[in-house]
Amino acid sequence: MVDFTLTDEQRSMREMAHDFAEKEIRPVAWEYDREGTWPGEVIEKAVASVYDDISDEKQARAYMHRKRLQKPENQKQAARIFRQLTRAGFASKTIFKILKQWNIDDETLTALEEEAES
């Protein structure tokens, strides 16, 4: 038999979503419906509220741990990690912060920055 009872975490998320909808969506929903416009501001607030407590660097490090990526020993490995983190969707700023903490040489960082810009 399947148990459809919500966990405490799920109940908390449901309550958070309900509170957000009451506070941010309900007051302006009629306006967006009437005008037929896209609620970009509301969506930005929703995304920001979900990711407020999440560090991009922390997520990138967790990703690297899951993928068993370690401190690179040479330029080729540094480039491989840079490209893998880029494909995973992490911001260049976050990736370079991690690489700098690993003391990757400036020449490699410059080459990767140029690659990121192109």
N, C-alpha and C. Protein backbone atom coordinates (compact mmCIF):
# COMPACT_ATOMS: atom_id res chain seq x y z
N MET A 1 0.84 -1.17 0.00
CA MET A 1 0.00 0.00 0.00
C MET A 1 0.89 1.25 0.00
N VAL A 2 0.51 2.25 -0.76
CA VAL A 2 1.28 3.48 -0.88
C VAL A 2 0.83 4.46 0.19
N ASP A 3 1.79 5.06 0.86
CA ASP A 3 1.50 6.04 1.89
C ASP A 3 1.65 7.44 1.30
N PHE A 4 0.56 8.18 1.25
CA PHE A 4 0.58 9.53 0.68
C PHE A 4 0.71 10.62 1.74
N THR A 5 1.05 10.23 2.94
CA THR A 5 1.22 11.19 4.03
C THR A 5 2.46 12.03 3.76
N LEU A 6 2.33 13.34 3.93
CA LEU A 6 3.46 14.23 3.71
C LEU A 6 4.43 14.18 4.88
N THR A 7 5.70 14.29 4.56
CA THR A 7 6.72 14.37 5.61
C THR A 7 6.69 15.78 6.19
N ASP A 8 7.38 15.97 7.29
CA ASP A 8 7.45 17.30 7.90
C ASP A 8 8.06 18.31 6.93
N GLU A 9 9.10 17.88 6.21
CA GLU A 9 9.74 18.77 5.24
C GLU A 9 8.77 19.14 4.12
N GLN A 10 8.00 18.18 3.64
CA GLN A 10 7.03 18.45 2.58
C GLN A 10 5.93 19.39 3.06
N ARG A 11 5.48 19.19 4.29
CA ARG A 11 4.45 20.09 4.85
C ARG A 11 5.01 21.51 4.98
N SER A 12 6.26 21.61 5.40
CA SER A 12 6.89 22.91 5.54
C SER A 12 7.00 23.61 4.18
N MET A 13 7.38 22.85 3.15
CA MET A 13 7.48 23.42 1.80
C MET A 13 6.10 23.85 1.29
N ARG A 14 5.09 23.05 1.56
CA ARG A 14 3.74 23.40 1.13
C ARG A 14 3.29 24.68 1.81
N GLU A 15 3.58 24.80 3.10
CA GLU A 15 3.20 26.01 3.84
C GLU A 15 3.95 27.23 3.32
N MET A 16 5.23 27.05 3.01
CA MET A 16 6.03 28.16 2.47
C MET A 16 5.47 28.62 1.12
N ALA A 17 5.11 27.66 0.27
CA ALA A 17 4.55 28.00 -1.04
C ALA A 17 3.21 28.71 -0.87
N HIS A 18 2.39 28.24 0.04
CA HIS A 18 1.08 28.86 0.29
C HIS A 18 1.26 30.30 0.78
N ASP A 19 2.18 30.49 1.74
CA ASP A 19 2.42 31.83 2.26
C ASP A 19 2.92 32.77 1.17
N PHE A 20 3.81 32.28 0.32
CA PHE A 20 4.32 33.09 -0.78
C PHE A 20 3.19 33.48 -1.73
N ALA A 21 2.34 32.52 -2.05
CA ALA A 21 1.22 32.78 -2.96
C ALA A 21 0.28 33.82 -2.37
N GLU A 22 0.00 33.70 -1.10
CA GLU A 22 -0.89 34.67 -0.44
C GLU A 22 -0.29 36.07 -0.43
N LYS A 23 0.99 36.14 -0.14
CA LYS A 23 1.66 37.44 0.02
C LYS A 23 2.03 38.09 -1.30
N GLU A 24 2.55 37.30 -2.25
CA GLU A 24 3.13 37.87 -3.46
C GLU A 24 2.27 37.70 -4.73
N ILE A 25 1.53 36.62 -4.82
CA ILE A 25 0.80 36.35 -6.06
C ILE A 25 -0.64 36.86 -6.01
N ARG A 26 -1.35 36.52 -4.94
CA ARG A 26 -2.76 36.89 -4.86
C ARG A 26 -3.00 38.39 -5.09
N PRO A 27 -2.22 39.29 -4.48
CA PRO A 27 -2.48 40.73 -4.67
C PRO A 27 -2.35 41.22 -6.11
N VAL A 28 -1.57 40.53 -6.95
CA VAL A 28 -1.33 41.03 -8.31
C VAL A 28 -1.84 40.10 -9.40
N ALA A 29 -2.37 38.94 -9.03
CA ALA A 29 -2.79 37.95 -10.03
C ALA A 29 -3.85 38.51 -10.97
N TRP A 30 -4.82 39.20 -10.43
CA TRP A 30 -5.90 39.74 -11.28
C TRP A 30 -5.35 40.72 -12.30
N GLU A 31 -4.33 41.49 -11.89
CA GLU A 31 -3.74 42.48 -12.80
C GLU A 31 -3.04 41.78 -13.98
N TYR A 32 -2.28 40.75 -13.68
CA TYR A 32 -1.61 40.00 -14.75
C TYR A 32 -2.62 39.32 -15.66
N ASP A 33 -3.67 38.77 -15.08
CA ASP A 33 -4.71 38.13 -15.89
C ASP A 33 -5.41 39.14 -16.79
N ARG A 34 -5.77 40.26 -16.21
CA ARG A 34 -6.49 41.29 -16.96
C ARG A 34 -5.67 41.84 -18.11
N GLU A 35 -4.39 42.11 -17.84
CA GLU A 35 -3.52 42.70 -18.85
C GLU A 35 -2.90 41.65 -19.78
N GLY A 36 -2.96 40.39 -19.38
CA GLY A 36 -2.36 39.34 -20.19
C GLY A 36 -0.85 39.44 -20.24
N THR A 37 -0.26 39.93 -19.16
CA THR A 37 1.20 40.11 -19.13
C THR A 37 1.86 38.96 -18.36
N TRP A 38 3.14 38.83 -18.59
CA TRP A 38 3.95 37.79 -17.94
C TRP A 38 4.36 38.27 -16.55
N PRO A 39 4.16 37.48 -15.52
CA PRO A 39 4.47 37.91 -14.14
C PRO A 39 5.96 37.75 -13.80
N GLY A 40 6.81 38.39 -14.58
CA GLY A 40 8.26 38.25 -14.40
C GLY A 40 8.74 38.60 -13.01
N GLU A 41 8.22 39.69 -12.45
CA GLU A 41 8.65 40.11 -11.11
C GLU A 41 8.29 39.06 -10.07
N VAL A 42 7.12 38.49 -10.18
CA VAL A 42 6.67 37.48 -9.22
C VAL A 42 7.54 36.23 -9.35
N ILE A 43 7.85 35.86 -10.57
CA ILE A 43 8.69 34.67 -10.80
C ILE A 43 10.09 34.91 -10.23
N GLU A 44 10.64 36.10 -10.45
CA GLU A 44 11.96 36.42 -9.89
C GLU A 44 11.96 36.34 -8.38
N LYS A 45 10.90 36.86 -7.75
CA LYS A 45 10.80 36.78 -6.29
C LYS A 45 10.70 35.34 -5.82
N ALA A 46 9.94 34.53 -6.56
CA ALA A 46 9.78 33.13 -6.17
C ALA A 46 11.12 32.39 -6.25
N VAL A 47 11.83 32.59 -7.34
CA VAL A 47 13.13 31.93 -7.51
C VAL A 47 14.10 32.42 -6.45
N ALA A 48 14.13 33.73 -6.22
CA ALA A 48 15.04 34.29 -5.23
C ALA A 48 14.73 33.75 -3.84
N SER A 49 13.46 33.62 -3.50
CA SER A 49 13.11 33.14 -2.16
C SER A 49 13.52 31.68 -1.96
N VAL A 50 13.48 30.90 -3.01
CA VAL A 50 13.88 29.50 -2.91
C VAL A 50 15.39 29.37 -2.78
N TYR A 51 16.12 30.20 -3.51
CA TYR A 51 17.58 30.07 -3.55
C TYR A 51 18.31 31.03 -2.61
N ASP A 52 17.58 31.75 -1.77
CA ASP A 52 18.22 32.71 -0.86
C ASP A 52 19.29 32.07 0.01
N ASP A 53 19.01 30.92 0.55
CA ASP A 53 19.91 30.29 1.50
C ASP A 53 20.88 29.31 0.85
N ILE A 54 20.93 29.30 -0.47
CA ILE A 54 21.76 28.33 -1.17
C ILE A 54 22.97 29.03 -1.77
N SER A 55 24.12 28.51 -1.45
CA SER A 55 25.37 29.06 -1.97
C SER A 55 25.74 28.33 -3.25
N ASP A 56 25.99 29.09 -4.31
CA ASP A 56 26.39 28.49 -5.59
C ASP A 56 27.70 27.72 -5.41
N GLU A 57 28.61 28.29 -4.62
CA GLU A 57 29.88 27.62 -4.39
C GLU A 57 29.67 26.30 -3.64
N LYS A 58 28.80 26.33 -2.67
CA LYS A 58 28.51 25.11 -1.90
C LYS A 58 27.91 24.04 -2.81
N GLN A 59 27.02 24.45 -3.70
CA GLN A 59 26.43 23.50 -4.64
C GLN A 59 27.49 22.96 -5.60
N ALA A 60 28.38 23.82 -6.07
CA ALA A 60 29.43 23.39 -6.99
C ALA A 60 30.36 22.39 -6.30
N ARG A 61 30.69 22.66 -5.05
CA ARG A 61 31.56 21.74 -4.32
C ARG A 61 30.85 20.40 -4.07
N ALA A 62 29.56 20.44 -3.79
CA ALA A 62 28.80 19.19 -3.60
C ALA A 62 28.77 18.41 -4.91
N TYR A 63 28.59 19.13 -6.02
CA TYR A 63 28.60 18.50 -7.34
C TYR A 63 29.95 17.84 -7.60
N MET A 64 31.03 18.56 -7.31
CA MET A 64 32.37 18.01 -7.53
C MET A 64 32.60 16.78 -6.65
N HIS A 65 32.08 16.82 -5.45
CA HIS A 65 32.22 15.66 -4.56
C HIS A 65 31.48 14.46 -5.13
N ARG A 66 30.25 14.69 -5.61
CA ARG A 66 29.46 13.59 -6.20
C ARG A 66 30.15 13.01 -7.43
N LYS A 67 30.76 13.88 -8.21
CA LYS A 67 31.43 13.45 -9.45
C LYS A 67 32.88 13.03 -9.20
N ARG A 68 33.29 13.09 -7.94
CA ARG A 68 34.65 12.72 -7.53
C ARG A 68 35.73 13.55 -8.24
N LEU A 69 35.43 14.84 -8.40
CA LEU A 69 36.40 15.75 -8.99
C LEU A 69 37.31 16.27 -7.89
N GLN A 70 38.60 16.20 -8.11
CA GLN A 70 39.57 16.63 -7.11
C GLN A 70 40.40 17.79 -7.64
N LYS A 71 41.17 18.37 -6.74
CA LYS A 71 42.05 19.47 -7.12
C LYS A 71 42.91 19.05 -8.31
N PRO A 72 42.87 19.85 -9.38
CA PRO A 72 43.64 19.48 -10.58
C PRO A 72 45.14 19.58 -10.34
N GLU A 73 45.85 18.70 -10.99
CA GLU A 73 47.30 18.68 -10.86
C GLU A 73 48.01 19.41 -12.01
N ASN A 74 47.26 19.71 -13.07
CA ASN A 74 47.87 20.40 -14.21
C ASN A 74 46.80 21.21 -14.95
N GLN A 75 47.24 21.92 -15.99
CA GLN A 75 46.34 22.79 -16.75
C GLN A 75 45.22 22.00 -17.42
N LYS A 76 45.55 20.85 -17.94
CA LYS A 76 44.55 20.04 -18.64
C LYS A 76 43.42 19.62 -17.69
N GLN A 77 43.76 19.21 -16.48
CA GLN A 77 42.75 18.81 -15.51
C GLN A 77 41.93 20.03 -15.05
N ALA A 78 42.59 21.16 -14.90
CA ALA A 78 41.88 22.38 -14.50
C ALA A 78 40.85 22.76 -15.58
N ALA A 79 41.26 22.67 -16.84
CA ALA A 79 40.35 22.98 -17.95
C ALA A 79 39.18 22.00 -17.98
N ARG A 80 39.46 20.73 -17.73
CA ARG A 80 38.42 19.71 -17.72
C ARG A 80 37.38 20.00 -16.62
N ILE A 81 37.87 20.36 -15.44
CA ILE A 81 36.96 20.68 -14.34
C ILE A 81 36.17 21.94 -14.66
N PHE A 82 36.85 22.94 -15.21
CA PHE A 82 36.16 24.18 -15.59
C PHE A 82 35.02 23.88 -16.57
N ARG A 83 35.30 23.11 -17.60
CA ARG A 83 34.28 22.80 -18.61
C ARG A 83 33.14 21.96 -18.03
N GLN A 84 33.48 21.04 -17.15
CA GLN A 84 32.44 20.19 -16.55
C GLN A 84 31.52 21.03 -15.66
N LEU A 85 32.08 21.92 -14.88
CA LEU A 85 31.26 22.79 -14.03
C LEU A 85 30.43 23.76 -14.87
N THR A 86 31.01 24.22 -15.97
CA THR A 86 30.27 25.11 -16.87
C THR A 86 29.07 24.38 -17.48
N ARG A 87 29.29 23.16 -17.96
CA ARG A 87 28.20 22.36 -18.52
C ARG A 87 27.13 22.06 -17.48
N ALA A 88 27.54 21.95 -16.22
CA ALA A 88 26.59 21.67 -15.14
C ALA A 88 25.77 22.91 -14.78
N GLY A 89 26.16 24.06 -15.34
CA GLY A 89 25.36 25.28 -15.15
C GLY A 89 25.84 26.22 -14.07
N PHE A 90 27.03 26.01 -13.55
CA PHE A 90 27.54 26.91 -12.52
C PHE A 90 28.11 28.17 -13.15
N ALA A 91 27.97 29.27 -12.42
CA ALA A 91 28.44 30.56 -12.90
C ALA A 91 29.97 30.59 -12.98
N SER A 92 30.48 31.27 -13.99
CA SER A 92 31.93 31.40 -14.15
C SER A 92 32.57 31.97 -12.89
N LYS A 93 31.89 32.93 -12.30
CA LYS A 93 32.41 33.57 -11.08
C LYS A 93 32.66 32.52 -9.99
N THR A 94 31.74 31.62 -9.82
CA THR A 94 31.87 30.57 -8.81
C THR A 94 33.00 29.61 -9.16
N ILE A 95 33.07 29.24 -10.43
CA ILE A 95 34.11 28.30 -10.87
C ILE A 95 35.50 28.90 -10.65
N PHE A 96 35.67 30.17 -11.04
CA PHE A 96 36.97 30.80 -10.88
C PHE A 96 37.33 30.98 -9.41
N LYS A 97 36.34 31.23 -8.58
CA LYS A 97 36.60 31.34 -7.14
C LYS A 97 37.18 30.03 -6.61
N ILE A 98 36.60 28.92 -7.02
CA ILE A 98 37.09 27.60 -6.58
C ILE A 98 38.49 27.35 -7.13
N LEU A 99 38.68 27.63 -8.42
CA LEU A 99 40.00 27.39 -9.02
C LEU A 99 41.07 28.25 -8.36
N LYS A 100 40.74 29.49 -8.02
CA LYS A 100 41.71 30.37 -7.36
C LYS A 100 42.05 29.84 -5.96
N GLN A 101 41.06 29.30 -5.27
CA GLN A 101 41.32 28.72 -3.95
C GLN A 101 42.23 27.51 -4.05
N TRP A 102 42.23 26.87 -5.20
CA TRP A 102 43.11 25.72 -5.44
C TRP A 102 44.49 26.16 -5.94
N ASN A 103 44.69 27.47 -5.99
CA ASN A 103 45.99 28.04 -6.43
C ASN A 103 46.36 27.64 -7.86
N ILE A 104 45.37 27.65 -8.74
CA ILE A 104 45.64 27.41 -10.15
C ILE A 104 46.40 28.63 -10.68
N ASP A 105 47.41 28.39 -11.49
CA ASP A 105 48.26 29.49 -11.95
C ASP A 105 47.47 30.49 -12.80
N ASP A 106 47.96 31.73 -12.79
CA ASP A 106 47.29 32.83 -13.48
C ASP A 106 47.17 32.60 -14.98
N GLU A 107 48.16 31.98 -15.57
CA GLU A 107 48.14 31.72 -17.01
C GLU A 107 46.94 30.83 -17.38
N THR A 108 46.73 29.80 -16.61
CA THR A 108 45.61 28.89 -16.86
C THR A 108 44.28 29.60 -16.64
N LEU A 109 44.20 30.38 -15.56
CA LEU A 109 42.96 31.12 -15.28
C LEU A 109 42.64 32.10 -16.39
N THR A 110 43.65 32.79 -16.90
CA THR A 110 43.45 33.74 -17.99
C THR A 110 42.94 33.03 -19.24
N ALA A 111 43.53 31.90 -19.56
CA ALA A 111 43.09 31.14 -20.74
C ALA A 111 41.65 30.67 -20.57
N LEU A 112 41.29 30.24 -19.38
CA LEU A 112 39.92 29.78 -19.13
C LEU A 112 38.93 30.94 -19.15
N GLU A 113 39.34 32.10 -18.65
CA GLU A 113 38.48 33.29 -18.71
C GLU A 113 38.21 33.68 -20.15
N GLU A 114 39.23 33.62 -20.99
CA GLU A 114 39.06 33.93 -22.40
C GLU A 114 38.12 32.91 -23.07
N GLU A 115 38.26 31.67 -22.69
CA GLU A 115 37.37 30.63 -23.22
C GLU A 115 35.92 30.89 -22.78
N ALA A 116 35.75 31.30 -21.55
CA ALA A 116 34.40 31.56 -21.02
C ALA A 116 33.73 32.73 -21.74
N GLU A 117 34.53 33.71 -22.11
CA GLU A 117 33.99 34.89 -22.77
C GLU A 117 33.63 34.65 -24.24
N SER A 118 34.25 33.64 -24.83
CA SER A 118 33.99 33.40 -26.27
C SER A 118 32.80 32.50 -26.48
